[in-house]
N, C-alpha and C. Protein backbone atom coordinates (compact mmCIF):
# COMPACT_ATOMS: atom_id res chain seq x y z
N UNK A 1 44.24 -12.26 17.35
CA UNK A 1 44.26 -10.58 16.91
C UNK A 1 42.32 -11.25 15.73
N UNK A 2 41.20 -10.06 15.86
CA UNK A 2 39.79 -10.08 15.31
C UNK A 2 40.47 -10.27 13.80
N UNK A 3 39.76 -10.85 12.93
CA UNK A 3 39.85 -10.65 11.99
C UNK A 3 38.69 -9.69 11.77
N UNK A 4 38.81 -8.29 10.61
CA UNK A 4 38.50 -7.40 10.32
C UNK A 4 37.52 -7.43 8.66
N UNK A 5 35.92 -7.08 8.96
CA UNK A 5 35.49 -7.26 7.37
C UNK A 5 35.45 -5.66 7.03
N UNK A 6 36.10 -5.68 5.94
CA UNK A 6 35.86 -3.94 5.17
C UNK A 6 35.27 -4.12 4.11
N UNK A 7 34.21 -2.49 4.70
CA UNK A 7 33.25 -2.34 3.46
C UNK A 7 32.70 -0.96 2.98
N UNK A 8 34.28 -0.46 2.66
CA UNK A 8 33.89 0.97 2.74
C UNK A 8 32.75 1.56 1.79
N UNK A 9 32.40 0.71 0.97
CA UNK A 9 30.73 1.39 0.14
C UNK A 9 29.61 1.04 1.20
N UNK A 10 30.17 1.16 2.44
CA UNK A 10 28.43 1.31 3.21
C UNK A 10 28.62 1.97 3.56
N UNK A 11 29.66 3.02 3.69
CA UNK A 11 29.57 4.72 4.75
C UNK A 11 28.76 5.49 3.40
N UNK A 12 28.87 5.28 2.11
CA UNK A 12 27.91 5.72 0.93
C UNK A 12 26.42 5.45 1.78
N UNK A 13 26.25 4.85 2.32
CA UNK A 13 25.14 4.39 2.58
C UNK A 13 24.70 5.33 4.11
N UNK A 14 25.35 5.48 4.86
CA UNK A 14 25.27 6.34 5.72
C UNK A 14 25.26 7.79 5.22
N UNK A 15 26.43 8.40 4.28
CA UNK A 15 25.88 9.79 4.10
C UNK A 15 24.72 9.72 3.32
N UNK A 16 24.77 9.12 2.61
CA UNK A 16 23.23 9.44 1.85
C UNK A 16 22.07 9.53 2.97
N UNK A 17 21.63 9.19 3.76
CA UNK A 17 20.63 9.26 5.26
C UNK A 17 20.20 10.71 4.92
N UNK A 18 21.76 10.82 4.56
CA UNK A 18 21.55 13.28 4.85
C UNK A 18 21.29 13.43 3.68
N UNK A 19 20.62 13.05 3.06
CA UNK A 19 21.00 14.01 1.37
C UNK A 19 19.47 13.78 1.17
N UNK A 20 19.44 15.40 0.03
CA UNK A 20 18.13 15.78 -0.21
C UNK A 20 16.78 14.78 -1.07
N UNK A 21 15.82 15.34 -1.57
CA UNK A 21 15.43 14.72 -2.36
C UNK A 21 15.12 13.12 -2.13
N UNK A 22 14.56 12.76 -3.07
CA UNK A 22 14.27 11.42 -3.07
C UNK A 22 14.79 10.62 -4.86
N UNK A 23 15.88 9.26 -4.32
CA UNK A 23 15.91 8.86 -5.21
C UNK A 23 15.04 7.91 -6.19
N UNK A 24 14.34 8.31 -5.76
CA UNK A 24 12.97 7.48 -6.86
C UNK A 24 12.55 8.89 -7.92
N UNK A 25 12.66 9.34 -7.74
CA UNK A 25 12.71 10.82 -8.21
C UNK A 25 13.90 11.51 -8.69
N UNK A 26 14.63 11.78 -8.03
CA UNK A 26 15.66 12.69 -9.05
C UNK A 26 17.13 11.53 -10.15
N UNK A 27 17.02 10.25 -9.52
CA UNK A 27 17.77 9.66 -10.08
C UNK A 27 17.71 9.15 -11.91
N UNK A 28 15.73 8.81 -11.48
CA UNK A 28 16.17 8.45 -13.06
C UNK A 28 15.78 10.16 -14.18
N UNK A 29 15.91 11.23 -13.58
CA UNK A 29 15.70 12.91 -14.30
C UNK A 29 17.16 12.42 -14.41
N UNK A 30 18.03 11.85 -14.57
CA UNK A 30 19.43 12.34 -14.31
C UNK A 30 19.97 11.22 -15.36
N UNK A 31 21.00 11.81 -16.45
CA UNK A 31 20.90 10.83 -17.87
C UNK A 31 22.47 9.94 -17.23
N UNK A 32 22.23 9.18 -16.25
CA UNK A 32 23.24 8.27 -16.05
C UNK A 32 22.88 7.13 -15.68
N UNK A 33 22.00 6.42 -15.95
CA UNK A 33 21.45 4.62 -16.07
C UNK A 33 22.74 4.40 -14.99
N UNK A 34 24.06 4.06 -15.68
CA UNK A 34 24.84 2.96 -14.82
C UNK A 34 25.33 3.09 -13.88
N UNK A 35 25.24 4.77 -13.64
CA UNK A 35 26.03 5.30 -12.39
C UNK A 35 24.92 5.34 -11.30
N UNK A 36 23.52 5.19 -11.99
CA UNK A 36 22.34 5.19 -10.93
C UNK A 36 21.74 4.29 -10.40
N UNK A 37 22.06 2.93 -11.45
CA UNK A 37 22.28 1.77 -10.93
C UNK A 37 21.07 1.37 -11.78
N UNK A 38 20.23 2.38 -12.64
CA UNK A 38 18.95 1.83 -13.54
C UNK A 38 19.08 1.06 -14.69
N UNK A 39 18.09 -0.37 -14.27
CA UNK A 39 18.49 -1.35 -15.58
C UNK A 39 17.00 -1.00 -16.57
N UNK A 40 15.65 -0.30 -16.10
CA UNK A 40 14.96 -0.56 -17.15
C UNK A 40 14.09 0.75 -16.73
N UNK A 41 13.64 1.95 -17.63
CA UNK A 41 12.62 2.30 -17.84
C UNK A 41 12.02 2.36 -18.29
N UNK A 42 10.46 1.62 -17.93
CA UNK A 42 9.25 2.21 -18.50
C UNK A 42 8.28 3.28 -18.81
N UNK A 43 7.32 2.93 -19.61
CA UNK A 43 6.52 4.59 -19.66
C UNK A 43 6.24 5.17 -18.22
N UNK A 44 5.61 4.18 -16.80
CA UNK A 44 5.29 5.26 -15.26
C UNK A 44 6.48 4.18 -14.25
N UNK A 45 6.90 3.38 -15.04
CA UNK A 45 8.19 2.96 -13.80
C UNK A 45 9.02 2.69 -14.41
N UNK A 46 9.97 2.32 -13.35
CA UNK A 46 11.39 1.45 -13.66
C UNK A 46 12.23 0.66 -12.72
N UNK A 47 13.15 0.24 -13.17
CA UNK A 47 13.64 -1.08 -12.69
C UNK A 47 14.73 -0.36 -12.11
N UNK A 48 15.27 -0.72 -10.64
CA UNK A 48 16.94 -0.35 -10.25
C UNK A 48 17.61 -1.47 -9.32
N UNK A 49 18.89 -1.32 -9.80
CA UNK A 49 20.02 -2.29 -8.66
C UNK A 49 19.70 -1.63 -7.21
N UNK A 50 18.80 -2.28 -6.12
CA UNK A 50 19.54 -1.39 -4.79
C UNK A 50 20.66 -1.34 -4.60
N UNK A 51 21.29 0.16 -4.51
CA UNK A 51 22.49 0.51 -4.08
C UNK A 51 23.20 -0.42 -2.76
N UNK A 52 22.41 -0.73 -1.98
CA UNK A 52 22.80 -1.36 -0.28
C UNK A 52 21.81 -2.58 -0.12
N UNK A 53 22.70 -3.62 -1.36
CA UNK A 53 21.42 -4.97 -1.07
C UNK A 53 22.10 -5.98 -0.24
N UNK A 54 20.48 -6.62 0.34
CA UNK A 54 20.38 -7.98 0.99
C UNK A 54 21.54 -9.36 0.40
N UNK A 55 21.17 -9.52 -0.77
CA UNK A 55 21.64 -10.29 -1.66
C UNK A 55 21.87 -9.49 -2.76
N UNK A 56 23.30 -10.53 -4.09
CA UNK A 56 23.46 -10.08 -5.39
C UNK A 56 22.51 -9.94 -6.17
N UNK A 57 22.04 -9.17 -6.57
CA UNK A 57 20.67 -9.15 -7.83
C UNK A 57 20.07 -8.30 -7.17
N UNK A 58 19.45 -7.78 -6.21
CA UNK A 58 18.13 -7.16 -5.22
C UNK A 58 17.75 -6.41 -5.91
N UNK A 59 16.63 -6.42 -6.95
CA UNK A 59 16.20 -5.11 -7.45
C UNK A 59 15.16 -4.50 -6.21
N UNK A 60 14.67 -2.89 -7.06
CA UNK A 60 14.07 -2.21 -6.66
C UNK A 60 12.69 -2.18 -8.44
N UNK A 61 11.82 -2.10 -7.82
CA UNK A 61 10.75 -1.70 -9.09
C UNK A 61 9.91 -0.26 -8.30
N UNK A 62 9.74 0.67 -9.19
CA UNK A 62 9.07 2.00 -8.35
C UNK A 62 9.04 2.61 -9.17
N UNK A 63 7.86 3.63 -9.37
CA UNK A 63 6.52 4.30 -9.97
C UNK A 63 7.90 6.15 -9.93
N UNK A 64 7.24 6.20 -11.27
CA UNK A 64 8.30 7.02 -11.55
C UNK A 64 7.53 8.85 -10.74
N UNK A 65 6.44 8.88 -10.92
CA UNK A 65 5.61 9.32 -9.55
C UNK A 65 5.46 9.18 -8.43
N UNK A 66 6.32 10.49 -7.49
CA UNK A 66 6.12 10.60 -5.73
C UNK A 66 4.76 10.85 -4.95
N UNK A 67 4.70 8.91 -4.68
CA UNK A 67 3.88 8.80 -3.83
C UNK A 67 4.20 8.01 -2.41
N UNK A 68 4.20 8.05 -1.52
CA UNK A 68 3.24 6.80 -1.16
C UNK A 68 2.99 5.47 -0.97
N UNK A 69 1.12 6.25 -0.98
CA UNK A 69 0.57 5.63 -0.57
C UNK A 69 0.16 4.63 -2.42
N UNK A 70 0.38 3.45 -2.42
CA UNK A 70 -0.35 2.64 -3.54
C UNK A 70 -2.09 2.85 -4.26
N UNK A 71 -3.10 3.37 -3.43
CA UNK A 71 -4.31 3.76 -3.78
C UNK A 71 -4.19 4.92 -4.91
N UNK A 72 -2.74 5.79 -4.89
CA UNK A 72 -3.01 7.07 -5.75
C UNK A 72 -2.19 6.60 -7.16
N UNK A 73 -1.89 5.61 -6.76
CA UNK A 73 -1.26 4.62 -8.54
C UNK A 73 -2.13 3.97 -9.08
N UNK A 74 -2.69 4.64 -10.35
CA UNK A 74 -3.53 4.55 -11.69
C UNK A 74 -3.50 3.32 -11.46
N UNK A 75 -4.47 2.51 -12.27
CA UNK A 75 -4.29 1.15 -12.69
C UNK A 75 -3.51 0.95 -13.59
N UNK A 76 -3.09 2.08 -15.07
CA UNK A 76 -2.04 1.69 -15.29
C UNK A 76 -1.15 1.42 -15.10
N UNK A 77 -0.86 2.59 -14.13
CA UNK A 77 0.99 2.50 -13.80
C UNK A 77 0.63 0.88 -12.97
N UNK A 78 -0.03 0.36 -11.69
CA UNK A 78 -0.01 -0.52 -11.44
C UNK A 78 0.42 -1.94 -12.09
N UNK A 79 -0.60 -2.16 -13.51
CA UNK A 79 0.13 -3.21 -14.05
C UNK A 79 1.57 -2.72 -14.73
N UNK A 80 2.05 -1.58 -15.14
CA UNK A 80 3.33 -2.39 -15.05
C UNK A 80 4.51 -2.15 -14.31
N UNK A 81 3.78 -1.36 -13.25
CA UNK A 81 5.09 -2.01 -11.97
C UNK A 81 4.88 -3.99 -11.46
N UNK A 82 3.71 -4.04 -11.84
CA UNK A 82 3.50 -6.24 -11.79
C UNK A 82 4.31 -6.89 -12.62
N UNK A 83 4.23 -6.23 -13.94
CA UNK A 83 4.43 -6.57 -15.72
C UNK A 83 6.10 -6.17 -14.84
N UNK A 84 6.89 -5.02 -14.81
CA UNK A 84 8.15 -5.48 -14.81
C UNK A 84 8.94 -5.94 -13.07
N UNK A 85 7.66 -6.35 -12.10
CA UNK A 85 8.16 -7.39 -11.45
C UNK A 85 8.46 -8.08 -11.77
N UNK A 86 7.32 -8.95 -12.72
CA UNK A 86 7.04 -10.11 -13.78
C UNK A 86 9.03 -10.51 -14.25
N UNK A 87 9.34 -9.26 -14.98
CA UNK A 87 9.95 -9.05 -15.96
C UNK A 87 11.65 -9.64 -15.32
N UNK A 88 12.08 -8.84 -14.11
CA UNK A 88 12.56 -8.39 -13.20
C UNK A 88 13.25 -10.30 -12.52
N UNK A 89 11.72 -11.55 -12.13
CA UNK A 89 11.98 -11.56 -11.89
C UNK A 89 13.08 -13.40 -12.62
N UNK A 90 12.38 -13.06 -13.67
CA UNK A 90 12.83 -13.50 -15.24
C UNK A 90 14.36 -12.82 -15.42
N UNK A 91 14.89 -12.29 -15.39
CA UNK A 91 15.88 -11.31 -15.75
C UNK A 91 16.86 -12.56 -14.85
N UNK A 92 16.31 -11.77 -13.11
CA UNK A 92 17.26 -12.72 -11.62
C UNK A 92 17.78 -14.28 -12.62
N UNK A 93 16.59 -15.27 -12.65
CA UNK A 93 16.45 -16.74 -13.01
C UNK A 93 17.65 -16.25 -13.99
N UNK A 94 17.64 -15.33 -14.80
CA UNK A 94 18.68 -16.20 -16.03
C UNK A 94 20.63 -15.24 -15.83
N UNK A 95 20.30 -14.83 -14.84
CA UNK A 95 21.50 -13.37 -14.75
C UNK A 95 22.37 -15.19 -13.40
N UNK A 96 21.64 -15.07 -12.03
CA UNK A 96 21.43 -15.88 -11.16
C UNK A 96 21.21 -17.25 -10.41
N UNK A 97 20.17 -17.42 -11.37
CA UNK A 97 19.40 -18.79 -11.00
C UNK A 97 19.16 -19.38 -9.30
N UNK A 98 18.53 -18.09 -9.32
CA UNK A 98 18.02 -18.52 -7.74
C UNK A 98 17.32 -19.42 -7.20
N UNK A 99 17.10 -20.33 -6.06
CA UNK A 99 16.02 -21.24 -5.75
C UNK A 99 14.50 -20.14 -5.11
N UNK A 100 14.62 -18.77 -5.36
CA UNK A 100 13.80 -18.19 -4.58
C UNK A 100 13.25 -17.04 -5.00
N UNK A 101 12.76 -16.09 -4.49
CA UNK A 101 12.71 -14.61 -4.79
C UNK A 101 11.65 -14.06 -2.92
N UNK A 102 12.49 -13.36 -2.67
CA UNK A 102 11.27 -12.20 -1.49
C UNK A 102 10.94 -11.38 -2.09
N UNK A 103 9.95 -10.95 -2.63
CA UNK A 103 9.25 -10.04 -3.00
C UNK A 103 8.27 -8.76 -2.55
N UNK A 104 8.37 -7.93 -2.08
CA UNK A 104 7.38 -6.81 -1.41
C UNK A 104 7.19 -5.60 -0.99
N UNK A 105 7.12 -4.56 -0.22
CA UNK A 105 6.55 -3.68 -0.11
C UNK A 105 6.60 -3.75 1.21
N UNK A 106 7.70 -2.79 1.84
CA UNK A 106 7.00 -1.92 2.93
C UNK A 106 6.65 -0.21 3.13
N UNK A 107 5.63 -0.70 3.10
CA UNK A 107 4.76 0.48 3.77
C UNK A 107 4.65 0.71 5.09
N UNK A 108 5.55 2.70 5.11
CA UNK A 108 5.40 3.30 5.73
C UNK A 108 6.68 2.50 6.86
N UNK A 109 7.25 3.49 7.78
CA UNK A 109 8.44 3.40 8.70
C UNK A 109 8.64 2.61 9.47
N UNK A 110 7.34 2.27 10.06
CA UNK A 110 7.34 1.63 11.16
C UNK A 110 7.32 0.07 10.54
N UNK A 111 6.66 -0.16 8.95
CA UNK A 111 7.10 -0.94 7.75
C UNK A 111 8.02 -1.77 7.63
N UNK A 112 9.08 -0.95 7.94
CA UNK A 112 10.81 -0.69 7.30
C UNK A 112 11.36 -0.07 6.36
N UNK A 113 10.02 0.86 5.86
CA UNK A 113 10.48 0.83 4.78
C UNK A 113 11.79 2.47 4.87
N UNK A 114 12.80 2.57 4.12
CA UNK A 114 13.61 2.45 4.34
C UNK A 114 13.54 4.09 3.83
N UNK A 115 12.72 4.30 2.48
CA UNK A 115 12.52 5.80 2.40
C UNK A 115 11.04 5.27 1.28
N UNK A 116 10.01 6.34 2.89
CA UNK A 116 8.73 5.61 2.97
C UNK A 116 8.28 7.01 2.32
N UNK A 117 8.45 7.31 1.28
CA UNK A 117 8.03 8.43 1.11
C UNK A 117 8.15 8.35 -0.44
N UNK A 118 8.07 7.40 -1.08
CA UNK A 118 7.79 6.66 -2.18
C UNK A 118 8.30 5.34 -2.18
N UNK A 119 6.22 4.73 -2.45
CA UNK A 119 6.72 2.92 -2.58
C UNK A 119 7.49 2.60 -3.75
N UNK A 120 7.95 1.58 -3.83
CA UNK A 120 9.25 1.36 -4.48
C UNK A 120 9.05 -0.72 -3.88
N UNK A 121 8.95 -1.63 -5.14
CA UNK A 121 8.76 -3.29 -4.58
C UNK A 121 10.02 -3.45 -4.48
N UNK A 122 10.51 -4.72 -3.53
CA UNK A 122 11.62 -5.22 -3.45
C UNK A 122 11.47 -6.27 -4.00
N UNK A 123 12.64 -6.70 -5.10
CA UNK A 123 13.19 -8.21 -5.31
C UNK A 123 13.92 -8.75 -5.43
N UNK A 124 14.21 -9.61 -4.44
CA UNK A 124 15.43 -10.45 -4.06
C UNK A 124 15.06 -11.43 -3.98
N UNK A 125 16.75 -12.29 -4.83
CA UNK A 125 16.38 -13.19 -5.27
C UNK A 125 17.28 -14.35 -3.52
N UNK A 126 17.30 -15.10 -3.71
CA UNK A 126 17.12 -15.86 -2.73
C UNK A 126 18.13 -17.46 -3.33
N UNK A 127 18.78 -18.74 -2.27
CA UNK A 127 19.45 -19.56 -2.65
C UNK A 127 19.02 -20.49 -1.61
N UNK A 128 18.49 -21.46 -1.48
CA UNK A 128 19.16 -22.46 -0.49
C UNK A 128 20.58 -22.37 0.46
N UNK A 129 20.50 -21.96 1.71
CA UNK A 129 21.35 -22.20 2.64
C UNK A 129 22.08 -20.44 2.43
N UNK A 130 21.35 -19.91 1.77
CA UNK A 130 21.60 -18.25 2.30
C UNK A 130 22.14 -17.70 3.00
N UNK A 131 21.51 -18.15 4.44
CA UNK A 131 21.40 -16.76 5.66
C UNK A 131 22.72 -18.12 6.28
N UNK A 132 24.05 -17.32 6.28
CA UNK A 132 24.85 -18.08 7.31
C UNK A 132 25.12 -17.57 8.67
N UNK A 133 25.77 -18.12 9.52
CA UNK A 133 26.76 -16.69 11.08
C UNK A 133 26.32 -15.70 10.45
N UNK A 134 26.63 -15.43 9.33
CA UNK A 134 26.76 -13.76 9.37
C UNK A 134 26.13 -12.84 9.21
N UNK A 135 25.30 -13.66 8.89
CA UNK A 135 23.63 -12.76 8.73
C UNK A 135 22.84 -13.10 10.10
N UNK A 136 23.35 -14.11 10.25
CA UNK A 136 22.29 -14.25 11.32
C UNK A 136 23.15 -14.01 13.36
N UNK A 137 24.16 -13.70 13.09
CA UNK A 137 25.18 -13.29 14.26
C UNK A 137 25.24 -12.02 14.40
N UNK A 138 25.99 -12.17 13.20
CA UNK A 138 26.72 -10.47 12.74
C UNK A 138 25.53 -9.50 11.65
N UNK A 139 24.71 -9.70 12.07
CA UNK A 139 23.50 -8.72 11.61
C UNK A 139 24.69 -7.68 10.09
N UNK A 140 25.57 -8.77 9.18
CA UNK A 140 26.32 -8.67 8.19
C UNK A 140 26.24 -9.20 6.85
N UNK A 141 26.10 -8.04 5.53
CA UNK A 141 25.30 -9.81 4.62
C UNK A 141 26.75 -9.66 3.56
N UNK A 142 27.12 -11.08 3.29
CA UNK A 142 28.47 -11.25 2.52
C UNK A 142 27.67 -10.84 1.02
N UNK A 143 28.37 -10.39 -0.06
CA UNK A 143 28.06 -10.45 -0.92
C UNK A 143 29.23 -10.45 -2.14
N UNK A 144 29.22 -11.77 -2.40
CA UNK A 144 30.60 -12.23 -3.84
C UNK A 144 30.42 -11.84 -4.99
N UNK A 145 29.45 -10.63 -5.02
CA UNK A 145 29.67 -9.01 -6.25
C UNK A 145 29.29 -8.42 -6.22
N UNK A 146 30.50 -7.19 -7.23
CA UNK A 146 30.77 -6.01 -7.22
C UNK A 146 28.89 -5.71 -8.00
N UNK A 147 28.35 -4.27 -7.79
CA UNK A 147 26.95 -3.73 -8.11
C UNK A 147 27.59 -3.44 -9.16
N UNK A 148 28.95 -3.48 -9.44
CA UNK A 148 29.48 -2.93 -10.90
C UNK A 148 29.04 -4.35 -11.59
N UNK A 149 29.51 -5.21 -11.60
CA UNK A 149 29.72 -6.52 -12.12
C UNK A 149 27.75 -7.16 -12.10
N UNK A 150 27.40 -6.99 -11.08
CA UNK A 150 25.90 -7.17 -10.58
C UNK A 150 25.01 -6.89 -11.96
N UNK A 151 25.39 -5.04 -12.49
CA UNK A 151 24.68 -4.24 -13.38
C UNK A 151 25.00 -4.83 -14.48
N UNK A 152 26.69 -4.73 -14.45
CA UNK A 152 26.62 -5.46 -16.05
C UNK A 152 26.12 -6.82 -16.48
N UNK A 153 26.16 -7.70 -15.34
CA UNK A 153 25.46 -8.91 -15.67
C UNK A 153 24.13 -9.20 -16.42
N UNK A 154 23.22 -7.84 -15.40
CA UNK A 154 22.10 -8.65 -15.47
C UNK A 154 21.03 -6.96 -17.03
N UNK A 155 22.16 -6.20 -17.08
CA UNK A 155 22.57 -5.42 -17.73
C UNK A 155 21.78 -5.88 -20.01
N UNK A 156 23.09 -7.16 -19.55
CA UNK A 156 23.62 -7.47 -20.46
C UNK A 156 22.25 -8.19 -20.57
N UNK A 157 21.29 -8.99 -20.05
CA UNK A 157 20.27 -10.05 -20.28
C UNK A 157 18.78 -9.13 -20.55
N UNK A 158 19.01 -7.55 -19.96
CA UNK A 158 17.36 -6.55 -19.93
C UNK A 158 17.57 -6.39 -21.12
N UNK A 159 18.69 -5.67 -22.40
CA UNK A 159 19.30 -5.34 -23.09
C UNK A 159 18.72 -6.82 -24.30
N UNK A 160 18.56 -7.26 -24.17
CA UNK A 160 18.17 -8.82 -24.70
C UNK A 160 16.58 -8.90 -24.79
N UNK A 161 16.48 -8.83 -23.77
CA UNK A 161 14.77 -9.22 -23.02
C UNK A 161 13.72 -8.93 -24.35
N UNK A 162 13.05 -10.09 -24.61
CA UNK A 162 11.72 -9.45 -25.22
C UNK A 162 12.15 -8.35 -26.81
N UNK A 163 14.07 -8.83 -27.94
CA UNK A 163 13.42 -8.19 -28.76
C UNK A 163 13.85 -8.86 -29.41
């Protein structure tokens, strides 16, 4: 009998493809950072956990302003985004002690952007040997920690950061 891997939370991802609006605009408007996985709010940008992560601790940094083009962002916005990326790396180092990071932007659907209408940066912690047969053969990610636990772990670090 074949083994089954259950991932009921993935159905939310399937359903989210039909939701109107942009998560990077709509979620920050709400007053529920925990539910929306928002870890830190800056002046012009914010940091949130990816609800459909590649690895535990997969973060995203996005400007509040809705734009698909980096050229439309002002110098102050770009500076803060880069400062938040640097801070996110430090938070992830403290929380997870990764061996490295993938940091990047997918501009446009052809480049792999899941939300091509709003520019955002991904910070993905990586560990030596973290790609296994599940990822390679089955296109499946095995995450050992729940999003709630990841949020709590990182939130504790973010709350004490530079205080």
